[in-house]
């Protein structure tokens, strides 16, 4: 019988230890004006904040920005999509649908 080693929480590497700093992801379910209230998700690490932003975008929500623990804007909306490679996926999907539409047989007579 194989046993799995357990993680020793007392010897975490320095980069995964909780420093108390928090990354903020500013998002909403639909696009709203700047003066309207927005939702904020909080993560401990930069990588986790990027993962959360990617998840929110895949669900169809709007991610306005990610803020660093100091409160400064780390990435704005366009930079988030570019960093996560989501623009390329959208373009690929649109061109793929256009190609499928061209290949699809037409139900109209004479075409």
C-alpha atoms as a PDB file:
ATOM      1  CA  UNK A   1       0.000   0.000   0.000  1.00  0.00           C
ATOM      2  CA  UNK A   2       1.466   3.355  -1.068  1.00  0.00           C
ATOM      3  CA  UNK A   3       1.284   6.296   1.291  1.00  0.00           C
ATOM      4  CA  UNK A   4       1.258   9.893   0.136  1.00  0.00           C
ATOM      5  CA  UNK A   5       3.569  12.264   1.893  1.00  0.00           C
ATOM      6  CA  UNK A   6       1.832  15.051   3.713  1.00  0.00           C
ATOM      7  CA  UNK A   7       2.830  18.661   3.268  1.00  0.00           C
ATOM      8  CA  UNK A   8       4.654  20.086   6.236  1.00  0.00           C
ATOM      9  CA  UNK A   9       3.110  23.540   6.638  1.00  0.00           C
ATOM     10  CA  UNK A  10       5.967  24.663   8.894  1.00  0.00           C
ATOM     11  CA  UNK A  11       8.509  24.410   6.109  1.00  0.00           C
ATOM     12  CA  UNK A  12       6.771  26.183   3.243  1.00  0.00           C
ATOM     13  CA  UNK A  13       9.099  27.899   0.778  1.00  0.00           C
ATOM     14  CA  UNK A  14       9.409  31.631   1.299  1.00  0.00           C
ATOM     15  CA  UNK A  15       7.487  32.505  -1.906  1.00  0.00           C
ATOM     16  CA  UNK A  16       4.407  30.504  -0.839  1.00  0.00           C
ATOM     17  CA  UNK A  17       4.341  31.671   2.763  1.00  0.00           C
ATOM     18  CA  UNK A  18       1.498  34.099   3.444  1.00  0.00           C
ATOM     19  CA  UNK A  19       2.942  37.593   3.707  1.00  0.00           C
ATOM     20  CA  UNK A  20      -0.426  39.160   4.529  1.00  0.00           C
ATOM     21  CA  UNK A  21      -0.526  41.087   1.260  1.00  0.00           C
ATOM     22  CA  UNK A  22      -3.645  40.764  -0.894  1.00  0.00           C
ATOM     23  CA  UNK A  23      -4.205  41.184  -4.636  1.00  0.00           C
ATOM     24  CA  UNK A  24      -7.588  42.637  -5.635  1.00  0.00           C
ATOM     25  CA  UNK A  25      -9.527  41.704  -8.746  1.00  0.00           C
ATOM     26  CA  UNK A  26     -12.137  44.341  -9.666  1.00  0.00           C
ATOM     27  CA  UNK A  27     -14.971  42.733 -11.649  1.00  0.00           C
ATOM     28  CA  UNK A  28     -18.704  42.751 -12.340  1.00  0.00           C
ATOM     29  CA  UNK A  29     -21.345  40.596 -13.983  1.00  0.00           C
ATOM     30  CA  UNK A  30     -21.922  43.196 -16.721  1.00  0.00           C
ATOM     31  CA  UNK A  31     -20.255  46.418 -17.846  1.00  0.00           C
ATOM     32  CA  UNK A  32     -21.289  49.425 -15.766  1.00  0.00           C
ATOM     33  CA  UNK A  33     -20.229  53.043 -15.370  1.00  0.00           C
ATOM     34  CA  UNK A  34     -17.193  54.052 -13.331  1.00  0.00           C
ATOM     35  CA  UNK A  35     -19.339  55.515 -10.569  1.00  0.00           C
ATOM     36  CA  UNK A  36     -21.359  52.320 -10.051  1.00  0.00           C
ATOM     37  CA  UNK A  37     -20.257  49.863  -7.417  1.00  0.00           C
ATOM     38  CA  UNK A  38     -18.155  46.914  -8.560  1.00  0.00           C
ATOM     39  CA  UNK A  39     -17.278  43.565  -7.028  1.00  0.00           C
ATOM     40  CA  UNK A  40     -13.877  42.825  -5.568  1.00  0.00           C
ATOM     41  CA  UNK A  41     -12.269  39.406  -5.242  1.00  0.00           C
ATOM     42  CA  UNK A  42      -9.173  39.067  -3.070  1.00  0.00           C
ATOM     43  CA  UNK A  43      -6.290  36.622  -3.520  1.00  0.00           C
ATOM     44  CA  UNK A  44      -3.030  36.063  -1.632  1.00  0.00           C
ATOM     45  CA  UNK A  45      -0.741  35.708  -4.644  1.00  0.00           C
ATOM     46  CA  UNK A  46      -0.315  37.250  -8.103  1.00  0.00           C
ATOM     47  CA  UNK A  47      -0.739  33.883  -9.839  1.00  0.00           C
ATOM     48  CA  UNK A  48      -3.956  33.230  -7.938  1.00  0.00           C
ATOM     49  CA  UNK A  49      -5.279  36.676  -8.910  1.00  0.00           C
ATOM     50  CA  UNK A  50      -4.570  35.955 -12.577  1.00  0.00           C
ATOM     51  CA  UNK A  51      -6.274  32.552 -12.289  1.00  0.00           C
ATOM     52  CA  UNK A  52      -9.335  34.159 -10.697  1.00  0.00           C
ATOM     53  CA  UNK A  53      -9.475  36.818 -13.431  1.00  0.00           C
ATOM     54  CA  UNK A  54      -9.252  34.128 -16.113  1.00  0.00           C
ATOM     55  CA  UNK A  55     -12.067  32.175 -14.469  1.00  0.00           C
ATOM     56  CA  UNK A  56     -14.286  35.260 -14.247  1.00  0.00           C
ATOM     57  CA  UNK A  57     -13.641  36.126 -17.902  1.00  0.00           C
ATOM     58  CA  UNK A  58     -14.460  32.588 -19.017  1.00  0.00           C
ATOM     59  CA  UNK A  59     -17.764  32.861 -17.160  1.00  0.00           C
ATOM     60  CA  UNK A  60     -18.556  35.943 -19.250  1.00  0.00           C
ATOM     61  CA  UNK A  61     -18.013  38.532 -16.527  1.00  0.00           C
ATOM     62  CA  UNK A  62     -16.145  41.821 -16.930  1.00  0.00           C
ATOM     63  CA  UNK A  63     -12.762  42.118 -15.193  1.00  0.00           C
ATOM     64  CA  UNK A  64     -11.814  45.788 -15.012  1.00  0.00           C
ATOM     65  CA  UNK A  65      -8.418  45.562 -13.316  1.00  0.00           C
ATOM     66  CA  UNK A  66      -6.122  43.731 -10.953  1.00  0.00           C
ATOM     67  CA  UNK A  67      -4.597  45.770  -8.144  1.00  0.00           C
ATOM     68  CA  UNK A  68      -1.286  44.965  -6.464  1.00  0.00           C
ATOM     69  CA  UNK A  69      -1.147  44.734  -2.662  1.00  0.00           C
ATOM     70  CA  UNK A  70       0.065  48.360  -2.509  1.00  0.00           C
ATOM     71  CA  UNK A  71      -3.207  49.462  -4.134  1.00  0.00           C
ATOM     72  CA  UNK A  72      -1.692  50.402  -7.485  1.00  0.00           C
ATOM     73  CA  UNK A  73      -3.193  49.121 -10.725  1.00  0.00           C
ATOM     74  CA  UNK A  74      -1.194  46.049 -11.760  1.00  0.00           C
ATOM     75  CA  UNK A  75      -3.097  45.246 -14.968  1.00  0.00           C
ATOM     76  CA  UNK A  76      -6.000  47.014 -16.661  1.00  0.00           C
ATOM     77  CA  UNK A  77      -8.754  45.277 -18.627  1.00  0.00           C
ATOM     78  CA  UNK A  78      -6.967  45.112 -22.005  1.00  0.00           C
ATOM     79  CA  UNK A  79      -3.661  44.048 -20.455  1.00  0.00           C
ATOM     80  CA  UNK A  80      -5.373  41.264 -18.474  1.00  0.00           C
ATOM     81  CA  UNK A  81      -6.899  39.770 -21.633  1.00  0.00           C
ATOM     82  CA  UNK A  82      -3.606  40.095 -23.494  1.00  0.00           C
ATOM     83  CA  UNK A  83      -1.613  38.478 -20.681  1.00  0.00           C
ATOM     84  CA  UNK A  84      -4.072  35.595 -20.395  1.00  0.00           C
ATOM     85  CA  UNK A  85      -4.157  35.113 -24.166  1.00  0.00           C
ATOM     86  CA  UNK A  86      -7.934  35.450 -24.346  1.00  0.00           C
ATOM     87  CA  UNK A  87      -8.036  37.783 -27.361  1.00  0.00           C
ATOM     88  CA  UNK A  88      -6.415  35.169 -29.579  1.00  0.00           C
ATOM     89  CA  UNK A  89      -8.977  32.565 -28.477  1.00  0.00           C
ATOM     90  CA  UNK A  90     -11.863  34.866 -29.384  1.00  0.00           C
ATOM     91  CA  UNK A  91     -10.439  35.648 -32.827  1.00  0.00           C
ATOM     92  CA  UNK A  92      -9.753  31.979 -33.473  1.00  0.00           C
ATOM     93  CA  UNK A  93     -13.326  31.117 -32.461  1.00  0.00           C
ATOM     94  CA  UNK A  94     -14.858  33.724 -34.765  1.00  0.00           C
ATOM     95  CA  UNK A  95     -12.802  32.655 -37.782  1.00  0.00           C
ATOM     96  CA  UNK A  96     -13.552  29.001 -37.054  1.00  0.00           C
ATOM     97  CA  UNK A  97     -17.303  29.729 -36.983  1.00  0.00           C
ATOM     98  CA  UNK A  98     -17.033  31.636 -40.268  1.00  0.00           C
ATOM     99  CA  UNK A  99     -15.203  28.708 -41.880  1.00  0.00           C
ATOM    100  CA  UNK A 100     -17.820  26.256 -40.587  1.00  0.00           C
ATOM    101  CA  UNK A 101     -20.619  28.450 -41.965  1.00  0.00           C
ATOM    102  CA  UNK A 102     -18.994  28.402 -45.415  1.00  0.00           C
ATOM    103  CA  UNK A 103     -18.629  24.601 -45.337  1.00  0.00           C
ATOM    104  CA  UNK A 104     -22.166  23.953 -44.088  1.00  0.00           C
ATOM    105  CA  UNK A 105     -24.606  22.718 -46.761  1.00  0.00           C
ATOM    106  CA  UNK A 106     -27.314  25.168 -47.638  1.00  0.00           C
ATOM    107  CA  UNK A 107     -30.969  24.166 -47.302  1.00  0.00           C
ATOM    108  CA  UNK A 108     -32.085  26.682 -49.931  1.00  0.00           C
ATOM    109  CA  UNK A 109     -32.754  25.288 -53.429  1.00  0.00           C
ATOM    110  CA  UNK A 110     -30.466  26.501 -56.204  1.00  0.00           C
ATOM    111  CA  UNK A 111     -27.521  27.212 -53.967  1.00  0.00           C
END
